[in-house]
Amino acid sequence: AGDAEAILAQVRKFRPTAVITAAHFPGEPVTSLLRHIRRILRTAIFIIIDNEVESAALPDLARAGVSAYLLWSRLSATDLRPTLE
């Protein structure tokens, strides 16, 4: 958590292979932040975990490189594991 610049600094430092986030970042769609992260991590996996699916946001999230959108209410290791492989 934190502001966008702090998150980008952590991404540069740790270079994760997967980024797991909610669909919104302090009230804003997370797509802009994911696009910035994609410039740093060309091959990272992006996963959204949220309380509900916002179908109108799905095309933008897909263009930002999100490969999975999971719901907290149905989240299990069985669901998460394949998205990380």
Foldseek 3Di string as FASTA:
>chain_A
DDDLVVVLVVCLVPVDQEDEEAQADPNHGCLVSLLVSCVVRVRHEYEHEEQDDDVVCVVSVVVSHHDYYHYPVPDDCVVPVVSSD
